[in-house]
């Protein structure tokens, strides 16, 4: 039941983003479809693997990677303005949402790839803290 609810909920969110984009921002079916897929997939992955993002302590060792991701995604969204300068503001917003959503989904795929490892293959403890040079 939980899996069906996750799939259904993420589909509804994806369709809402896609239809909303098409109706209110840009009547471009490819851009609206890309946003629908991106945010639908992102919600599904977040529901499935979000506990790994919320886990851990509030220490510099873990927070620095969250801050680095946020800074990277925001920078890429700002850089997306350049190629879209000749188009209207709504298209710029839609492209920035696509860039941010793609970064978010990419991060969640990375979390899922580690989280889906068997428990005995996941890095833990001192092994996870070891330097590559060791």
C-alpha atoms as a PDB file:
ATOM      1  CA  UNK A   1       0.000   0.000   0.000  1.00  0.00           C
ATOM      2  CA  UNK A   2       2.831   2.408   0.827  1.00  0.00           C
ATOM      3  CA  UNK A   3       4.484   1.896  -2.543  1.00  0.00           C
ATOM      4  CA  UNK A   4       1.220   2.513  -4.416  1.00  0.00           C
ATOM      5  CA  UNK A   5       0.635   5.663  -2.379  1.00  0.00           C
ATOM      6  CA  UNK A   6       4.157   6.887  -3.134  1.00  0.00           C
ATOM      7  CA  UNK A   7       3.767   6.247  -6.851  1.00  0.00           C
ATOM      8  CA  UNK A   8       0.310   7.812  -6.917  1.00  0.00           C
ATOM      9  CA  UNK A   9       1.356  10.851  -4.901  1.00  0.00           C
ATOM     10  CA  UNK A  10       4.475  11.485  -6.933  1.00  0.00           C
ATOM     11  CA  UNK A  11       2.462  11.114 -10.145  1.00  0.00           C
ATOM     12  CA  UNK A  12      -0.077  13.662  -8.922  1.00  0.00           C
ATOM     13  CA  UNK A  13       2.689  16.116  -7.964  1.00  0.00           C
ATOM     14  CA  UNK A  14       4.434  15.613 -11.300  1.00  0.00           C
ATOM     15  CA  UNK A  15       1.224  16.161 -13.253  1.00  0.00           C
ATOM     16  CA  UNK A  16       0.372  19.243 -11.181  1.00  0.00           C
ATOM     17  CA  UNK A  17       3.799  20.762 -11.860  1.00  0.00           C
ATOM     18  CA  UNK A  18       3.614  19.910 -15.558  1.00  0.00           C
ATOM     19  CA  UNK A  19       0.083  21.207 -16.064  1.00  0.00           C
ATOM     20  CA  UNK A  20       0.777  24.282 -13.940  1.00  0.00           C
ATOM     21  CA  UNK A  21       3.897  25.032 -15.945  1.00  0.00           C
ATOM     22  CA  UNK A  22       2.032  24.627 -19.220  1.00  0.00           C
ATOM     23  CA  UNK A  23      -0.943  26.758 -18.162  1.00  0.00           C
ATOM     24  CA  UNK A  24       0.743  29.515 -16.147  1.00  0.00           C
ATOM     25  CA  UNK A  25       4.377  29.765 -17.234  1.00  0.00           C
ATOM     26  CA  UNK A  26       5.225  28.448 -20.682  1.00  0.00           C
ATOM     27  CA  UNK A  27       2.925  26.647 -23.147  1.00  0.00           C
ATOM     28  CA  UNK A  28       5.780  24.353 -24.167  1.00  0.00           C
ATOM     29  CA  UNK A  29       4.876  20.659 -23.844  1.00  0.00           C
ATOM     30  CA  UNK A  30       8.501  19.465 -23.731  1.00  0.00           C
ATOM     31  CA  UNK A  31       9.483  21.847 -20.938  1.00  0.00           C
ATOM     32  CA  UNK A  32       6.280  21.128 -19.011  1.00  0.00           C
ATOM     33  CA  UNK A  33       6.799  17.380 -19.475  1.00  0.00           C
ATOM     34  CA  UNK A  34      10.403  17.617 -18.343  1.00  0.00           C
ATOM     35  CA  UNK A  35       9.356  19.478 -15.222  1.00  0.00           C
ATOM     36  CA  UNK A  36       6.549  16.980 -14.567  1.00  0.00           C
ATOM     37  CA  UNK A  37       8.955  14.045 -14.837  1.00  0.00           C
ATOM     38  CA  UNK A  38      11.631  15.763 -12.774  1.00  0.00           C
ATOM     39  CA  UNK A  39       9.418  16.759  -9.862  1.00  0.00           C
ATOM     40  CA  UNK A  40       7.324  13.581  -9.931  1.00  0.00           C
ATOM     41  CA  UNK A  41      10.471  11.473  -9.805  1.00  0.00           C
ATOM     42  CA  UNK A  42      12.000  13.761  -7.184  1.00  0.00           C
ATOM     43  CA  UNK A  43       9.013  13.437  -4.868  1.00  0.00           C
ATOM     44  CA  UNK A  44       8.974   9.659  -5.264  1.00  0.00           C
ATOM     45  CA  UNK A  45      12.687   9.371  -4.518  1.00  0.00           C
ATOM     46  CA  UNK A  46      12.424  11.761  -1.588  1.00  0.00           C
ATOM     47  CA  UNK A  47       9.581   9.789  -0.017  1.00  0.00           C
ATOM     48  CA  UNK A  48      11.581   6.584  -0.454  1.00  0.00           C
ATOM     49  CA  UNK A  49      15.049   7.832   0.552  1.00  0.00           C
ATOM     50  CA  UNK A  50      14.486  11.131   2.370  1.00  0.00           C
ATOM     51  CA  UNK A  51      15.206   9.622   5.774  1.00  0.00           C
ATOM     52  CA  UNK A  52      18.878   9.407   4.768  1.00  0.00           C
ATOM     53  CA  UNK A  53      18.916  13.150   4.105  1.00  0.00           C
ATOM     54  CA  UNK A  54      17.407  13.864   7.518  1.00  0.00           C
ATOM     55  CA  UNK A  55      19.624  11.366   9.346  1.00  0.00           C
ATOM     56  CA  UNK A  56      22.858  12.268  11.025  1.00  0.00           C
ATOM     57  CA  UNK A  57      23.930  14.883  13.426  1.00  0.00           C
ATOM     58  CA  UNK A  58      24.080  18.619  12.986  1.00  0.00           C
ATOM     59  CA  UNK A  59      27.833  18.664  12.752  1.00  0.00           C
ATOM     60  CA  UNK A  60      30.044  20.390  10.244  1.00  0.00           C
ATOM     61  CA  UNK A  61      31.067  17.020   8.782  1.00  0.00           C
ATOM     62  CA  UNK A  62      27.551  16.324   7.544  1.00  0.00           C
ATOM     63  CA  UNK A  63      26.178  19.814   7.062  1.00  0.00           C
ATOM     64  CA  UNK A  64      28.987  20.918   4.768  1.00  0.00           C
ATOM     65  CA  UNK A  65      27.773  18.555   2.048  1.00  0.00           C
ATOM     66  CA  UNK A  66      24.219  19.820   2.305  1.00  0.00           C
ATOM     67  CA  UNK A  67      25.461  23.399   2.096  1.00  0.00           C
ATOM     68  CA  UNK A  68      27.723  22.533  -0.844  1.00  0.00           C
ATOM     69  CA  UNK A  69      24.807  20.990  -2.726  1.00  0.00           C
ATOM     70  CA  UNK A  70      22.598  24.008  -2.034  1.00  0.00           C
ATOM     71  CA  UNK A  71      25.305  26.423  -3.192  1.00  0.00           C
ATOM     72  CA  UNK A  72      25.966  24.359  -6.317  1.00  0.00           C
ATOM     73  CA  UNK A  73      22.293  24.065  -7.286  1.00  0.00           C
ATOM     74  CA  UNK A  74      21.677  27.778  -6.700  1.00  0.00           C
ATOM     75  CA  UNK A  75      24.740  28.702  -8.784  1.00  0.00           C
ATOM     76  CA  UNK A  76      23.627  26.486 -11.664  1.00  0.00           C
ATOM     77  CA  UNK A  77      20.144  28.006 -11.555  1.00  0.00           C
ATOM     78  CA  UNK A  78      21.660  31.489 -11.732  1.00  0.00           C
ATOM     79  CA  UNK A  79      23.905  30.437 -14.613  1.00  0.00           C
ATOM     80  CA  UNK A  80      20.824  29.183 -16.470  1.00  0.00           C
ATOM     81  CA  UNK A  81      19.694  32.803 -16.773  1.00  0.00           C
ATOM     82  CA  UNK A  82      22.425  33.581 -19.317  1.00  0.00           C
ATOM     83  CA  UNK A  83      21.264  31.343 -22.175  1.00  0.00           C
ATOM     84  CA  UNK A  84      17.655  32.406 -21.636  1.00  0.00           C
ATOM     85  CA  UNK A  85      18.207  36.175 -21.577  1.00  0.00           C
ATOM     86  CA  UNK A  86      16.492  36.667 -24.926  1.00  0.00           C
ATOM     87  CA  UNK A  87      13.297  34.951 -23.830  1.00  0.00           C
ATOM     88  CA  UNK A  88      10.498  35.975 -21.530  1.00  0.00           C
ATOM     89  CA  UNK A  89      10.659  35.769 -17.742  1.00  0.00           C
ATOM     90  CA  UNK A  90       8.283  32.802 -17.526  1.00  0.00           C
ATOM     91  CA  UNK A  91      10.590  30.672 -19.671  1.00  0.00           C
ATOM     92  CA  UNK A  92      13.549  31.707 -17.529  1.00  0.00           C
ATOM     93  CA  UNK A  93      11.697  30.644 -14.387  1.00  0.00           C
ATOM     94  CA  UNK A  94      10.711  27.302 -15.945  1.00  0.00           C
ATOM     95  CA  UNK A  95      14.299  26.594 -17.020  1.00  0.00           C
ATOM     96  CA  UNK A  96      15.604  27.487 -13.555  1.00  0.00           C
ATOM     97  CA  UNK A  97      13.033  25.163 -11.982  1.00  0.00           C
ATOM     98  CA  UNK A  98      14.198  22.415 -14.321  1.00  0.00           C
ATOM     99  CA  UNK A  99      17.847  22.984 -13.385  1.00  0.00           C
ATOM    100  CA  UNK A 100      17.073  22.975  -9.651  1.00  0.00           C
ATOM    101  CA  UNK A 101      14.842  19.915  -9.967  1.00  0.00           C
ATOM    102  CA  UNK A 102      17.460  18.040 -11.962  1.00  0.00           C
ATOM    103  CA  UNK A 103      20.087  18.770  -9.304  1.00  0.00           C
ATOM    104  CA  UNK A 104      17.691  17.604  -6.584  1.00  0.00           C
ATOM    105  CA  UNK A 105      16.864  14.361  -8.423  1.00  0.00           C
ATOM    106  CA  UNK A 106      20.547  13.746  -9.113  1.00  0.00           C
ATOM    107  CA  UNK A 107      21.332  14.055  -5.416  1.00  0.00           C
ATOM    108  CA  UNK A 108      18.472  11.687  -4.559  1.00  0.00           C
ATOM    109  CA  UNK A 109      19.730   9.127  -7.086  1.00  0.00           C
ATOM    110  CA  UNK A 110      23.093   9.256  -5.310  1.00  0.00           C
ATOM    111  CA  UNK A 111      21.436   8.751  -1.927  1.00  0.00           C
ATOM    112  CA  UNK A 112      19.379   5.870  -3.329  1.00  0.00           C
ATOM    113  CA  UNK A 113      22.437   4.183  -4.840  1.00  0.00           C
ATOM    114  CA  UNK A 114      24.137   4.049  -1.432  1.00  0.00           C
ATOM    115  CA  UNK A 115      20.964   3.418   0.553  1.00  0.00           C
ATOM    116  CA  UNK A 116      20.010   0.468  -1.647  1.00  0.00           C
ATOM    117  CA  UNK A 117      23.263  -1.369  -0.962  1.00  0.00           C
ATOM    118  CA  UNK A 118      22.967  -4.429   1.247  1.00  0.00           C
ATOM    119  CA  UNK A 119      23.601  -3.550   4.891  1.00  0.00           C
ATOM    120  CA  UNK A 120      26.932  -5.386   4.942  1.00  0.00           C
ATOM    121  CA  UNK A 121      28.212  -3.376   1.945  1.00  0.00           C
ATOM    122  CA  UNK A 122      27.247   0.101   3.201  1.00  0.00           C
ATOM    123  CA  UNK A 123      30.131   2.213   4.487  1.00  0.00           C
ATOM    124  CA  UNK A 124      29.867   2.540   8.263  1.00  0.00           C
ATOM    125  CA  UNK A 125      31.897   3.723  11.225  1.00  0.00           C
ATOM    126  CA  UNK A 126      35.630   4.252  10.861  1.00  0.00           C
ATOM    127  CA  UNK A 127      35.572   2.705   7.392  1.00  0.00           C
ATOM    128  CA  UNK A 128      33.345   5.522   6.135  1.00  0.00           C
ATOM    129  CA  UNK A 129      35.567   8.142   7.779  1.00  0.00           C
ATOM    130  CA  UNK A 130      38.819   6.842   6.342  1.00  0.00           C
ATOM    131  CA  UNK A 131      40.729   9.022   3.906  1.00  0.00           C
ATOM    132  CA  UNK A 132      41.219   7.800   0.382  1.00  0.00           C
ATOM    133  CA  UNK A 133      44.986   8.000   0.930  1.00  0.00           C
ATOM    134  CA  UNK A 134      44.882   5.460   3.767  1.00  0.00           C
END
